Amino acid sequence: DGEPLQYVLGRWGFRRLDLMVDKRVLIPRPETELIVDIVLGHIAGRTEPATVVDLGTGSGAIGLSVLHESPIGSVKVHMTDASQDALDVARANAVGIGRTASGARFARGSWYDALDESLRGSVDVVVSNPPYIAAGDGELDASVRDWEPMTALIAGDDGLDDLRVITSGAAEWLVPGGLLVTEIGHTQAHAVAELYRVSGFTEVGVHKDLAGRDRFVRGVRP
């Protein structure tokens, strides 16, 4: 019937984690793993605990990896999702990583709407793997189209609707020198880098995934 192996198994590996995955969440992709390195590189070596926001966390793969690979107590990760189902999966996965999950916080809502006002201007990193596929994209594999949650994949006619919201809203949450990093579709680097620049970010750069495709855009709040 074409059901993805990951859903049949109910578990899937991401970096060092063994995550619970089911039809409530997108299956974590290996190409996403490198975004964690970008986040860890930005917060490494701090004396004060870092604050990270993982927008649209899904299974929790990114945020929980940041926690799991950081010294306990060195980082708080606020993990958001518009889907209560997804947050339930992320919470279950947090339990699965034990004490390293002590810095996890969960909040339901659409992008920045989920965040507590007290975080405004105090976030060191905003990271997101948002929906970035265009509504009319005919390239979606049947196993993806028929089984995975479309709200986690489709972002308007050009695939950039959610990235527009994320880039335009990030600066007011970040500290000066704070980092925004997002996953993108491999043809979107130029368009998304421009969204970053229009939103006032500096040091805008594109990172490739393990397959050598443009996969992440990062920028710094001046």
N, C-alpha and C. Protein backbone atom coordinates (compact mmCIF):
# COMPACT_ATOMS: atom_id res chain seq x y z
N ASP A 1 0.82 -1.22 0.00
CA ASP A 1 0.00 0.00 0.00
C ASP A 1 0.85 1.27 0.00
N GLY A 2 2.16 1.10 -0.01
CA GLY A 2 3.04 2.26 -0.14
C GLY A 2 3.33 2.99 1.15
N GLU A 3 2.86 2.47 2.29
CA GLU A 3 3.13 3.18 3.55
C GLU A 3 4.63 3.24 3.80
N PRO A 4 5.15 4.44 4.12
CA PRO A 4 6.60 4.55 4.34
C PRO A 4 7.08 3.63 5.46
N LEU A 5 8.25 3.04 5.23
CA LEU A 5 8.85 2.12 6.21
C LEU A 5 8.92 2.75 7.60
N GLN A 6 9.22 4.06 7.64
CA GLN A 6 9.37 4.73 8.93
C GLN A 6 8.09 4.67 9.75
N TYR A 7 6.94 4.79 9.08
CA TYR A 7 5.66 4.72 9.79
C TYR A 7 5.33 3.29 10.19
N VAL A 8 5.71 2.34 9.34
CA VAL A 8 5.48 0.92 9.66
C VAL A 8 6.27 0.56 10.93
N LEU A 9 7.53 0.99 10.97
CA LEU A 9 8.39 0.71 12.12
C LEU A 9 7.98 1.52 13.35
N GLY A 10 7.49 2.75 13.10
CA GLY A 10 7.12 3.63 14.20
C GLY A 10 8.29 4.34 14.84
N ARG A 11 9.49 4.12 14.30
CA ARG A 11 10.69 4.78 14.82
C ARG A 11 11.61 5.11 13.66
N TRP A 12 12.44 6.13 13.84
CA TRP A 12 13.41 6.45 12.80
C TRP A 12 14.58 7.21 13.40
N GLY A 13 15.78 6.95 12.90
CA GLY A 13 16.97 7.60 13.44
C GLY A 13 17.17 8.99 12.86
N PHE A 14 17.64 9.90 13.70
CA PHE A 14 18.02 11.24 13.28
C PHE A 14 19.23 11.64 14.11
N ARG A 15 20.38 11.83 13.45
CA ARG A 15 21.62 12.08 14.17
C ARG A 15 21.81 10.98 15.23
N ARG A 16 21.89 11.36 16.51
CA ARG A 16 22.13 10.36 17.56
C ARG A 16 20.83 9.85 18.19
N LEU A 17 19.71 10.33 17.69
CA LEU A 17 18.43 10.01 18.34
C LEU A 17 17.68 8.90 17.62
N ASP A 18 16.91 8.16 18.40
CA ASP A 18 15.97 7.17 17.87
C ASP A 18 14.58 7.72 18.17
N LEU A 19 13.92 8.27 17.16
CA LEU A 19 12.69 9.02 17.37
C LEU A 19 11.45 8.19 17.04
N MET A 20 10.40 8.42 17.84
CA MET A 20 9.09 7.88 17.49
C MET A 20 8.53 8.72 16.34
N VAL A 21 8.07 8.08 15.29
CA VAL A 21 7.41 8.81 14.20
C VAL A 21 6.15 8.06 13.78
N ASP A 22 5.08 8.82 13.53
CA ASP A 22 3.86 8.24 12.98
C ASP A 22 3.22 9.28 12.07
N LYS A 23 2.01 8.98 11.61
CA LYS A 23 1.39 9.83 10.58
C LYS A 23 1.06 11.24 11.05
N ARG A 24 1.24 11.52 12.34
CA ARG A 24 0.99 12.87 12.86
C ARG A 24 2.12 13.83 12.51
N VAL A 25 3.28 13.29 12.13
CA VAL A 25 4.45 14.14 11.88
C VAL A 25 5.16 13.74 10.60
N LEU A 26 5.89 14.70 10.05
CA LEU A 26 6.76 14.45 8.90
C LEU A 26 7.89 13.51 9.33
N ILE A 27 8.30 12.65 8.44
CA ILE A 27 9.44 11.77 8.72
C ILE A 27 10.72 12.62 8.68
N PRO A 28 11.54 12.59 9.74
CA PRO A 28 12.79 13.37 9.71
C PRO A 28 13.69 12.89 8.57
N ARG A 29 14.26 13.83 7.83
CA ARG A 29 15.08 13.52 6.67
C ARG A 29 16.57 13.63 7.02
N PRO A 30 17.38 12.75 6.45
CA PRO A 30 18.82 12.86 6.73
C PRO A 30 19.41 14.20 6.28
N GLU A 31 18.87 14.79 5.21
CA GLU A 31 19.44 16.08 4.76
C GLU A 31 19.24 17.20 5.77
N THR A 32 18.28 17.02 6.68
CA THR A 32 18.03 18.05 7.70
C THR A 32 19.08 18.01 8.82
N GLU A 33 19.80 16.89 8.95
CA GLU A 33 20.67 16.71 10.11
C GLU A 33 21.72 17.81 10.26
N LEU A 34 22.22 18.34 9.14
CA LEU A 34 23.30 19.33 9.20
C LEU A 34 22.86 20.66 9.80
N ILE A 35 21.55 20.94 9.81
CA ILE A 35 21.09 22.21 10.38
C ILE A 35 21.42 22.26 11.87
N VAL A 36 21.47 21.09 12.50
CA VAL A 36 21.81 21.03 13.93
C VAL A 36 23.25 21.49 14.15
N ASP A 37 24.15 21.12 13.24
CA ASP A 37 25.55 21.57 13.35
C ASP A 37 25.66 23.09 13.28
N ILE A 38 24.84 23.71 12.43
CA ILE A 38 24.86 25.17 12.30
C ILE A 38 24.43 25.82 13.61
N VAL A 39 23.38 25.26 14.22
CA VAL A 39 22.90 25.79 15.51
C VAL A 39 23.96 25.58 16.59
N LEU A 40 24.49 24.37 16.70
CA LEU A 40 25.48 24.07 17.74
C LEU A 40 26.72 24.94 17.58
N GLY A 41 27.12 25.19 16.34
CA GLY A 41 28.29 26.04 16.11
C GLY A 41 28.09 27.46 16.61
N HIS A 42 26.85 27.93 16.53
CA HIS A 42 26.57 29.31 16.96
C HIS A 42 26.54 29.45 18.47
N ILE A 43 26.10 28.41 19.18
CA ILE A 43 25.94 28.54 20.64
C ILE A 43 27.11 27.92 21.41
N ALA A 44 28.09 27.35 20.72
CA ALA A 44 29.20 26.67 21.40
C ALA A 44 30.02 27.65 22.25
N GLY A 45 30.50 27.15 23.37
CA GLY A 45 31.48 27.89 24.17
C GLY A 45 30.94 29.07 24.94
N ARG A 46 29.62 29.12 25.15
CA ARG A 46 29.05 30.24 25.91
C ARG A 46 29.17 30.00 27.41
N THR A 47 29.24 31.09 28.15
CA THR A 47 29.24 30.97 29.61
C THR A 47 27.81 31.00 30.13
N GLU A 48 26.93 31.74 29.45
CA GLU A 48 25.52 31.81 29.84
C GLU A 48 24.72 30.79 29.04
N PRO A 49 23.65 30.22 29.63
CA PRO A 49 22.80 29.30 28.86
C PRO A 49 22.21 29.99 27.62
N ALA A 50 22.17 29.25 26.52
CA ALA A 50 21.63 29.78 25.27
C ALA A 50 20.12 29.51 25.19
N THR A 51 19.43 30.37 24.45
CA THR A 51 18.00 30.19 24.19
C THR A 51 17.80 29.94 22.70
N VAL A 52 17.21 28.81 22.38
CA VAL A 52 16.97 28.42 20.99
C VAL A 52 15.47 28.23 20.80
N VAL A 53 14.95 28.67 19.66
CA VAL A 53 13.56 28.43 19.30
C VAL A 53 13.55 27.55 18.05
N ASP A 54 12.85 26.42 18.13
CA ASP A 54 12.68 25.49 17.01
C ASP A 54 11.23 25.61 16.55
N LEU A 55 11.02 26.37 15.47
CA LEU A 55 9.67 26.65 14.98
C LEU A 55 9.17 25.51 14.09
N GLY A 56 7.98 24.99 14.38
CA GLY A 56 7.43 23.90 13.58
C GLY A 56 8.22 22.62 13.82
N THR A 57 8.34 22.23 15.08
CA THR A 57 9.28 21.18 15.48
C THR A 57 8.91 19.79 14.98
N GLY A 58 7.62 19.53 14.71
CA GLY A 58 7.22 18.19 14.25
C GLY A 58 7.56 17.13 15.28
N SER A 59 8.37 16.15 14.89
CA SER A 59 8.76 15.06 15.79
C SER A 59 9.71 15.53 16.89
N GLY A 60 10.22 16.75 16.77
CA GLY A 60 11.19 17.27 17.73
C GLY A 60 12.63 17.02 17.32
N ALA A 61 12.85 16.51 16.11
CA ALA A 61 14.19 16.07 15.69
C ALA A 61 15.27 17.13 15.88
N ILE A 62 15.01 18.36 15.41
CA ILE A 62 16.05 19.40 15.48
C ILE A 62 16.28 19.85 16.92
N GLY A 63 15.22 20.29 17.58
CA GLY A 63 15.35 20.82 18.93
C GLY A 63 15.90 19.81 19.91
N LEU A 64 15.43 18.57 19.83
CA LEU A 64 15.91 17.55 20.75
C LEU A 64 17.36 17.16 20.46
N SER A 65 17.77 17.21 19.20
CA SER A 65 19.17 16.95 18.87
C SER A 65 20.07 18.03 19.46
N VAL A 66 19.64 19.29 19.37
CA VAL A 66 20.42 20.39 19.96
C VAL A 66 20.60 20.15 21.46
N LEU A 67 19.52 19.77 22.14
CA LEU A 67 19.60 19.50 23.58
C LEU A 67 20.49 18.30 23.87
N HIS A 68 20.29 17.23 23.12
CA HIS A 68 20.98 15.97 23.38
C HIS A 68 22.49 16.10 23.17
N GLU A 69 22.89 17.00 22.26
CA GLU A 69 24.30 17.15 21.93
C GLU A 69 24.94 18.36 22.60
N SER A 70 24.25 18.95 23.57
CA SER A 70 24.79 20.07 24.34
C SER A 70 24.93 19.65 25.80
N PRO A 71 25.87 20.26 26.53
CA PRO A 71 25.96 19.96 27.96
C PRO A 71 24.63 20.27 28.66
N ILE A 72 24.24 19.42 29.59
CA ILE A 72 22.97 19.62 30.30
C ILE A 72 22.99 20.98 31.00
N GLY A 73 21.92 21.73 30.83
CA GLY A 73 21.81 23.04 31.46
C GLY A 73 22.37 24.18 30.63
N SER A 74 23.00 23.86 29.48
CA SER A 74 23.64 24.92 28.69
C SER A 74 22.71 25.55 27.66
N VAL A 75 21.53 24.97 27.47
CA VAL A 75 20.62 25.50 26.45
C VAL A 75 19.17 25.18 26.81
N LYS A 76 18.29 26.16 26.53
CA LYS A 76 16.84 25.93 26.59
C LYS A 76 16.34 25.96 25.16
N VAL A 77 15.52 25.00 24.79
CA VAL A 77 14.95 24.98 23.44
C VAL A 77 13.44 25.05 23.53
N HIS A 78 12.88 26.11 22.97
CA HIS A 78 11.43 26.28 22.91
C HIS A 78 10.97 25.69 21.58
N MET A 79 10.21 24.62 21.66
CA MET A 79 9.78 23.88 20.47
C MET A 79 8.30 24.15 20.22
N THR A 80 8.00 24.67 19.03
CA THR A 80 6.63 25.06 18.72
C THR A 80 6.08 24.23 17.57
N ASP A 81 4.76 24.12 17.55
CA ASP A 81 4.09 23.55 16.38
C ASP A 81 2.63 24.00 16.40
N ALA A 82 2.06 24.19 15.23
CA ALA A 82 0.64 24.54 15.14
C ALA A 82 -0.23 23.31 15.41
N SER A 83 0.37 22.13 15.30
CA SER A 83 -0.36 20.87 15.45
C SER A 83 -0.16 20.30 16.85
N GLN A 84 -1.26 20.14 17.59
CA GLN A 84 -1.16 19.50 18.90
C GLN A 84 -0.69 18.06 18.76
N ASP A 85 -1.12 17.39 17.69
CA ASP A 85 -0.66 16.02 17.44
C ASP A 85 0.86 15.95 17.35
N ALA A 86 1.44 16.90 16.60
CA ALA A 86 2.90 16.91 16.46
C ALA A 86 3.57 17.15 17.80
N LEU A 87 3.04 18.10 18.58
CA LEU A 87 3.64 18.38 19.89
C LEU A 87 3.57 17.17 20.81
N ASP A 88 2.50 16.39 20.70
CA ASP A 88 2.39 15.16 21.50
C ASP A 88 3.52 14.19 21.15
N VAL A 89 3.84 14.10 19.85
CA VAL A 89 4.94 13.23 19.42
C VAL A 89 6.27 13.78 19.93
N ALA A 90 6.47 15.10 19.79
CA ALA A 90 7.72 15.72 20.25
C ALA A 90 7.92 15.52 21.75
N ARG A 91 6.85 15.67 22.52
CA ARG A 91 6.95 15.46 23.98
C ARG A 91 7.33 14.01 24.29
N ALA A 92 6.72 13.07 23.58
CA ALA A 92 7.06 11.66 23.80
C ALA A 92 8.53 11.41 23.47
N ASN A 93 9.02 12.05 22.41
CA ASN A 93 10.43 11.90 22.05
C ASN A 93 11.35 12.55 23.07
N ALA A 94 10.89 13.64 23.69
CA ALA A 94 11.68 14.28 24.75
C ALA A 94 11.85 13.34 25.94
N VAL A 95 10.78 12.65 26.29
CA VAL A 95 10.86 11.66 27.38
C VAL A 95 11.91 10.61 27.04
N GLY A 96 11.98 10.26 25.77
CA GLY A 96 12.90 9.23 25.32
C GLY A 96 14.37 9.59 25.43
N ILE A 97 14.71 10.89 25.55
CA ILE A 97 16.13 11.25 25.65
C ILE A 97 16.53 11.57 27.09
N GLY A 98 15.61 11.36 28.02
CA GLY A 98 15.97 11.44 29.43
C GLY A 98 16.38 12.82 29.90
N ARG A 99 17.43 12.87 30.73
CA ARG A 99 17.81 14.12 31.41
C ARG A 99 18.20 15.23 30.44
N THR A 100 18.72 14.87 29.28
CA THR A 100 19.14 15.92 28.35
C THR A 100 17.96 16.74 27.85
N ALA A 101 16.74 16.23 28.05
CA ALA A 101 15.55 16.97 27.61
C ALA A 101 15.07 17.98 28.65
N SER A 102 15.82 18.14 29.74
CA SER A 102 15.35 19.05 30.80
C SER A 102 15.21 20.49 30.31
N GLY A 103 15.91 20.85 29.24
CA GLY A 103 15.82 22.21 28.70
C GLY A 103 14.73 22.39 27.67
N ALA A 104 13.90 21.37 27.46
CA ALA A 104 12.85 21.45 26.43
C ALA A 104 11.61 22.17 26.96
N ARG A 105 11.08 23.07 26.13
CA ARG A 105 9.81 23.73 26.42
C ARG A 105 8.93 23.57 25.18
N PHE A 106 7.63 23.39 25.37
CA PHE A 106 6.74 23.15 24.24
C PHE A 106 5.63 24.19 24.21
N ALA A 107 5.29 24.66 23.01
CA ALA A 107 4.24 25.67 22.89
C ALA A 107 3.51 25.48 21.57
N ARG A 108 2.19 25.56 21.64
CA ARG A 108 1.39 25.37 20.43
C ARG A 108 1.01 26.71 19.83
N GLY A 109 1.13 26.81 18.51
CA GLY A 109 0.72 28.02 17.81
C GLY A 109 1.41 28.13 16.47
N SER A 110 0.93 29.07 15.67
CA SER A 110 1.49 29.28 14.35
C SER A 110 2.74 30.15 14.44
N TRP A 111 3.88 29.56 14.15
CA TRP A 111 5.16 30.28 14.14
C TRP A 111 5.36 31.10 15.42
N TYR A 112 5.60 32.39 15.29
CA TYR A 112 5.94 33.20 16.48
C TYR A 112 4.75 33.40 17.43
N ASP A 113 3.54 33.16 16.95
CA ASP A 113 2.36 33.29 17.82
C ASP A 113 2.44 32.34 19.01
N ALA A 114 3.21 31.27 18.87
CA ALA A 114 3.31 30.27 19.94
C ALA A 114 4.19 30.75 21.10
N LEU A 115 5.03 31.75 20.85
CA LEU A 115 6.05 32.12 21.83
C LEU A 115 5.52 33.07 22.89
N ASP A 116 6.03 32.90 24.10
CA ASP A 116 5.71 33.81 25.19
C ASP A 116 6.37 35.16 24.94
N GLU A 117 5.64 36.23 25.23
CA GLU A 117 6.15 37.59 24.99
C GLU A 117 7.49 37.84 25.69
N SER A 118 7.71 37.15 26.81
CA SER A 118 8.94 37.38 27.57
C SER A 118 10.20 36.99 26.79
N LEU A 119 10.04 36.21 25.73
CA LEU A 119 11.19 35.79 24.91
C LEU A 119 11.61 36.85 23.91
N ARG A 120 10.77 37.84 23.70
CA ARG A 120 11.05 38.85 22.68
C ARG A 120 12.41 39.52 22.92
N GLY A 121 13.27 39.48 21.91
CA GLY A 121 14.58 40.12 22.03
C GLY A 121 15.61 39.34 22.82
N SER A 122 15.29 38.09 23.19
CA SER A 122 16.22 37.34 24.06
C SER A 122 16.65 35.99 23.48
N VAL A 123 16.30 35.73 22.23
CA VAL A 123 16.57 34.41 21.62
C VAL A 123 17.91 34.44 20.88
N ASP A 124 18.74 33.43 21.12
CA ASP A 124 20.05 33.35 20.46
C ASP A 124 19.96 32.75 19.06
N VAL A 125 19.09 31.76 18.89
CA VAL A 125 18.92 31.11 17.58
C VAL A 125 17.45 30.81 17.34
N VAL A 126 16.97 31.19 16.15
CA VAL A 126 15.69 30.69 15.64
C VAL A 126 16.03 29.71 14.52
N VAL A 127 15.58 28.47 14.67
CA VAL A 127 15.82 27.45 13.66
C VAL A 127 14.49 26.88 13.21
N SER A 128 14.37 26.58 11.92
CA SER A 128 13.11 26.02 11.43
C SER A 128 13.33 25.20 10.17
N ASN A 129 12.62 24.08 10.11
CA ASN A 129 12.48 23.33 8.86
C ASN A 129 11.00 23.43 8.50
N PRO A 130 10.61 24.54 7.85
CA PRO A 130 9.19 24.80 7.60
C PRO A 130 8.71 24.12 6.33
N PRO A 131 7.40 24.13 6.07
CA PRO A 131 6.92 23.71 4.76
C PRO A 131 7.54 24.61 3.68
N TYR A 132 8.03 24.01 2.59
CA TYR A 132 8.60 24.86 1.53
C TYR A 132 8.31 24.33 0.12
N ILE A 133 7.33 23.46 0.01
CA ILE A 133 6.97 22.91 -1.31
C ILE A 133 5.81 23.70 -1.89
N ALA A 134 5.91 24.04 -3.17
CA ALA A 134 4.84 24.80 -3.84
C ALA A 134 3.62 23.91 -4.04
N ALA A 135 2.44 24.53 -3.94
CA ALA A 135 1.17 23.79 -4.00
C ALA A 135 1.05 22.94 -5.27
N GLY A 136 1.55 23.44 -6.39
CA GLY A 136 1.39 22.72 -7.65
C GLY A 136 2.55 21.80 -8.00
N ASP A 137 3.45 21.57 -7.06
CA ASP A 137 4.65 20.79 -7.34
C ASP A 137 4.29 19.34 -7.67
N GLY A 138 4.55 18.93 -8.89
CA GLY A 138 4.21 17.57 -9.31
C GLY A 138 5.26 16.55 -8.96
N GLU A 139 6.35 16.98 -8.31
CA GLU A 139 7.47 16.06 -8.05
C GLU A 139 7.31 15.25 -6.76
N LEU A 140 6.26 15.54 -5.98
CA LEU A 140 6.10 14.83 -4.70
C LEU A 140 5.92 13.34 -4.93
N ASP A 141 6.74 12.57 -4.27
CA ASP A 141 6.65 11.12 -4.32
C ASP A 141 5.30 10.66 -3.77
N ALA A 142 4.74 9.60 -4.34
CA ALA A 142 3.42 9.13 -3.90
C ALA A 142 3.41 8.76 -2.42
N SER A 143 4.51 8.18 -1.94
CA SER A 143 4.54 7.77 -0.52
C SER A 143 4.49 8.99 0.40
N VAL A 144 5.04 10.11 -0.10
CA VAL A 144 4.97 11.36 0.67
C VAL A 144 3.57 11.95 0.58
N ARG A 145 3.07 12.05 -0.65
CA ARG A 145 1.78 12.69 -0.90
C ARG A 145 0.63 11.96 -0.19
N ASP A 146 0.69 10.64 -0.21
CA ASP A 146 -0.43 9.85 0.30
C ASP A 146 -0.38 9.61 1.81
N TRP A 147 0.78 9.78 2.42
CA TRP A 147 0.92 9.38 3.82
C TRP A 147 1.33 10.50 4.77
N GLU A 148 2.18 11.42 4.32
CA GLU A 148 2.70 12.42 5.26
C GLU A 148 1.78 13.64 5.36
N PRO A 149 1.82 14.36 6.50
CA PRO A 149 0.91 15.50 6.69
C PRO A 149 1.22 16.65 5.74
N MET A 150 0.27 16.97 4.85
CA MET A 150 0.51 18.00 3.84
C MET A 150 0.76 19.38 4.45
N THR A 151 0.16 19.65 5.61
CA THR A 151 0.37 20.96 6.23
C THR A 151 1.83 21.16 6.60
N ALA A 152 2.59 20.07 6.74
CA ALA A 152 4.00 20.17 7.07
C ALA A 152 4.88 20.30 5.83
N LEU A 153 4.25 20.27 4.65
CA LEU A 153 5.01 20.26 3.40
C LEU A 153 4.71 21.44 2.48
N ILE A 154 3.42 21.77 2.33
CA ILE A 154 3.00 22.74 1.31
C ILE A 154 2.93 24.15 1.89
N ALA A 155 3.49 25.11 1.13
CA ALA A 155 3.52 26.51 1.61
C ALA A 155 3.16 27.47 0.48
N GLY A 156 1.90 27.41 0.05
CA GLY A 156 1.42 28.38 -0.94
C GLY A 156 1.87 28.08 -2.35
N ASP A 157 1.54 28.99 -3.25
CA ASP A 157 1.78 28.76 -4.68
C ASP A 157 3.26 28.65 -5.03
N ASP A 158 4.12 29.37 -4.28
CA ASP A 158 5.55 29.34 -4.62
C ASP A 158 6.40 28.63 -3.57
N GLY A 159 5.74 28.08 -2.54
CA GLY A 159 6.48 27.36 -1.51
C GLY A 159 7.16 28.24 -0.48
N LEU A 160 6.96 29.56 -0.58
CA LEU A 160 7.69 30.49 0.30
C LEU A 160 6.82 31.16 1.36
N ASP A 161 5.53 30.83 1.41
CA ASP A 161 4.63 31.54 2.34
C ASP A 161 5.14 31.51 3.78
N ASP A 162 5.49 30.33 4.27
CA ASP A 162 5.92 30.22 5.66
C ASP A 162 7.30 30.81 5.87
N LEU A 163 8.18 30.67 4.90
CA LEU A 163 9.51 31.28 5.01
C LEU A 163 9.41 32.80 5.05
N ARG A 164 8.43 33.37 4.38
CA ARG A 164 8.23 34.83 4.47
C ARG A 164 7.87 35.24 5.90
N VAL A 165 6.96 34.49 6.51
CA VAL A 165 6.54 34.80 7.89
C VAL A 165 7.73 34.65 8.85
N ILE A 166 8.49 33.59 8.68
CA ILE A 166 9.60 33.31 9.59
C ILE A 166 10.71 34.35 9.45
N THR A 167 11.08 34.70 8.22
CA THR A 167 12.17 35.66 8.05
C THR A 167 11.75 37.06 8.48
N SER A 168 10.52 37.45 8.17
CA SER A 168 10.10 38.82 8.49
C SER A 168 9.88 39.02 9.98
N GLY A 169 9.58 37.95 10.72
CA GLY A 169 9.28 38.08 12.14
C GLY A 169 10.43 37.79 13.08
N ALA A 170 11.54 37.28 12.56
CA ALA A 170 12.60 36.76 13.44
C ALA A 170 13.33 37.83 14.24
N ALA A 171 13.61 38.98 13.61
CA ALA A 171 14.50 39.97 14.23
C ALA A 171 14.01 40.43 15.60
N GLU A 172 12.71 40.58 15.76
CA GLU A 172 12.20 41.10 17.04
C GLU A 172 12.34 40.10 18.18
N TRP A 173 12.58 38.84 17.86
CA TRP A 173 12.77 37.82 18.90
C TRP A 173 14.24 37.58 19.21
N LEU A 174 15.10 37.84 18.23
CA LEU A 174 16.52 37.54 18.38
C LEU A 174 17.27 38.64 19.13
N VAL A 175 18.32 38.24 19.83
CA VAL A 175 19.27 39.21 20.39
C VAL A 175 20.10 39.77 19.23
N PRO A 176 20.70 40.96 19.39
CA PRO A 176 21.68 41.40 18.39
C PRO A 176 22.79 40.35 18.26
N GLY A 177 23.11 39.98 17.04
CA GLY A 177 24.07 38.90 16.83
C GLY A 177 23.43 37.52 16.82
N GLY A 178 22.09 37.48 17.02
CA GLY A 178 21.38 36.21 17.01
C GLY A 178 21.27 35.64 15.60
N LEU A 179 21.09 34.34 15.53
CA LEU A 179 21.11 33.62 14.26
C LEU A 179 19.72 33.13 13.87
N LEU A 180 19.38 33.31 12.59
CA LEU A 180 18.22 32.65 12.00
C LEU A 180 18.74 31.65 10.98
N VAL A 181 18.28 30.41 11.06
CA VAL A 181 18.66 29.41 10.06
C VAL A 181 17.44 28.57 9.71
N THR A 182 17.21 28.42 8.41
CA THR A 182 16.04 27.68 7.93
C THR A 182 16.45 26.68 6.86
N GLU A 183 15.74 25.56 6.83
CA GLU A 183 15.88 24.65 5.71
C GLU A 183 15.07 25.20 4.55
N ILE A 184 15.50 24.90 3.32
CA ILE A 184 14.83 25.39 2.11
C ILE A 184 14.79 24.28 1.07
N GLY A 185 13.96 24.48 0.06
CA GLY A 185 14.02 23.61 -1.11
C GLY A 185 15.27 23.96 -1.91
N HIS A 186 15.87 22.98 -2.58
CA HIS A 186 17.19 23.18 -3.18
C HIS A 186 17.21 24.18 -4.33
N THR A 187 16.04 24.60 -4.81
CA THR A 187 16.01 25.63 -5.86
C THR A 187 15.70 27.02 -5.31
N GLN A 188 15.57 27.14 -3.99
CA GLN A 188 15.06 28.38 -3.39
C GLN A 188 16.13 29.28 -2.77
N ALA A 189 17.39 28.90 -2.86
CA ALA A 189 18.43 29.62 -2.12
C ALA A 189 18.44 31.11 -2.42
N HIS A 190 18.38 31.47 -3.70
CA HIS A 190 18.45 32.88 -4.07
C HIS A 190 17.26 33.65 -3.51
N ALA A 191 16.06 33.10 -3.69
CA ALA A 191 14.84 33.78 -3.23
C ALA A 191 14.82 33.92 -1.72
N VAL A 192 15.23 32.88 -1.00
CA VAL A 192 15.17 32.93 0.46
C VAL A 192 16.27 33.84 1.01
N ALA A 193 17.45 33.80 0.41
CA ALA A 193 18.52 34.72 0.84
C ALA A 193 18.06 36.16 0.70
N GLU A 194 17.30 36.43 -0.36
CA GLU A 194 16.77 37.79 -0.56
C GLU A 194 15.75 38.13 0.54
N LEU A 195 14.92 37.17 0.95
CA LEU A 195 13.98 37.41 2.05
C LEU A 195 14.74 37.78 3.32
N TYR A 196 15.84 37.10 3.58
CA TYR A 196 16.67 37.41 4.75
C TYR A 196 17.19 38.85 4.67
N ARG A 197 17.70 39.22 3.51
CA ARG A 197 18.28 40.57 3.36
C ARG A 197 17.21 41.64 3.52
N VAL A 198 16.05 41.41 2.91
CA VAL A 198 14.95 42.38 3.02
C VAL A 198 14.53 42.54 4.48
N SER A 199 14.65 41.48 5.27
CA SER A 199 14.28 41.52 6.68
C SER A 199 15.41 42.07 7.56
N GLY A 200 16.50 42.52 6.94
CA GLY A 200 17.56 43.20 7.68
C GLY A 200 18.69 42.32 8.18
N PHE A 201 18.73 41.06 7.75
CA PHE A 201 19.80 40.18 8.22
C PHE A 201 21.11 40.44 7.48
N THR A 202 22.22 40.24 8.20
CA THR A 202 23.55 40.37 7.61
C THR A 202 24.21 38.99 7.61
N GLU A 203 25.40 38.93 7.01
CA GLU A 203 26.14 37.66 6.94
C GLU A 203 25.26 36.54 6.40
N VAL A 204 24.43 36.86 5.42
CA VAL A 204 23.51 35.86 4.85
C VAL A 204 24.32 34.85 4.03
N GLY A 205 24.12 33.57 4.34
CA GLY A 205 24.86 32.54 3.63
C GLY A 205 24.01 31.32 3.34
N VAL A 206 24.42 30.57 2.33
CA VAL A 206 23.72 29.35 1.93
C VAL A 206 24.62 28.15 2.24
N HIS A 207 24.06 27.13 2.88
CA HIS A 207 24.80 25.91 3.20
C HIS A 207 24.23 24.75 2.39
N LYS A 208 25.10 23.84 2.00
CA LYS A 208 24.67 22.67 1.22
C LYS A 208 24.43 21.47 2.14
N ASP A 209 23.59 20.53 1.65
CA ASP A 209 23.40 19.29 2.40
C ASP A 209 24.45 18.26 1.97
N LEU A 210 24.35 17.05 2.49
CA LEU A 210 25.37 16.03 2.21
C LEU A 210 25.39 15.63 0.73
N ALA A 211 24.28 15.88 0.03
CA ALA A 211 24.22 15.57 -1.40
C ALA A 211 24.76 16.72 -2.26
N GLY A 212 25.22 17.80 -1.61
CA GLY A 212 25.77 18.93 -2.34
C GLY A 212 24.73 19.89 -2.88
N ARG A 213 23.49 19.78 -2.38
CA ARG A 213 22.43 20.70 -2.82
C ARG A 213 22.25 21.83 -1.81
N ASP A 214 21.91 23.01 -2.32
CA ASP A 214 21.58 24.12 -1.42
C ASP A 214 20.43 23.67 -0.52
N ARG A 215 20.60 23.80 0.80
CA ARG A 215 19.59 23.25 1.71
C ARG A 215 19.26 24.15 2.89
N PHE A 216 20.17 25.04 3.27
CA PHE A 216 19.91 25.92 4.42
C PHE A 216 20.33 27.34 4.10
N VAL A 217 19.59 28.30 4.64
CA VAL A 217 20.02 29.69 4.59
C VAL A 217 20.14 30.18 6.03
N ARG A 218 21.20 30.92 6.29
CA ARG A 218 21.42 31.47 7.62
C ARG A 218 21.69 32.97 7.51
N GLY A 219 21.38 33.69 8.58
CA GLY A 219 21.67 35.11 8.63
C GLY A 219 21.74 35.56 10.08
N VAL A 220 22.37 36.71 10.29
CA VAL A 220 22.59 37.24 11.64
C VAL A 220 21.83 38.54 11.81
N ARG A 221 21.18 38.68 12.95
CA ARG A 221 20.54 39.95 13.26
C ARG A 221 21.61 40.94 13.68
N PRO A 222 21.71 42.10 13.00
CA PRO A 222 22.77 43.06 13.36
C PRO A 222 22.55 43.65 14.75
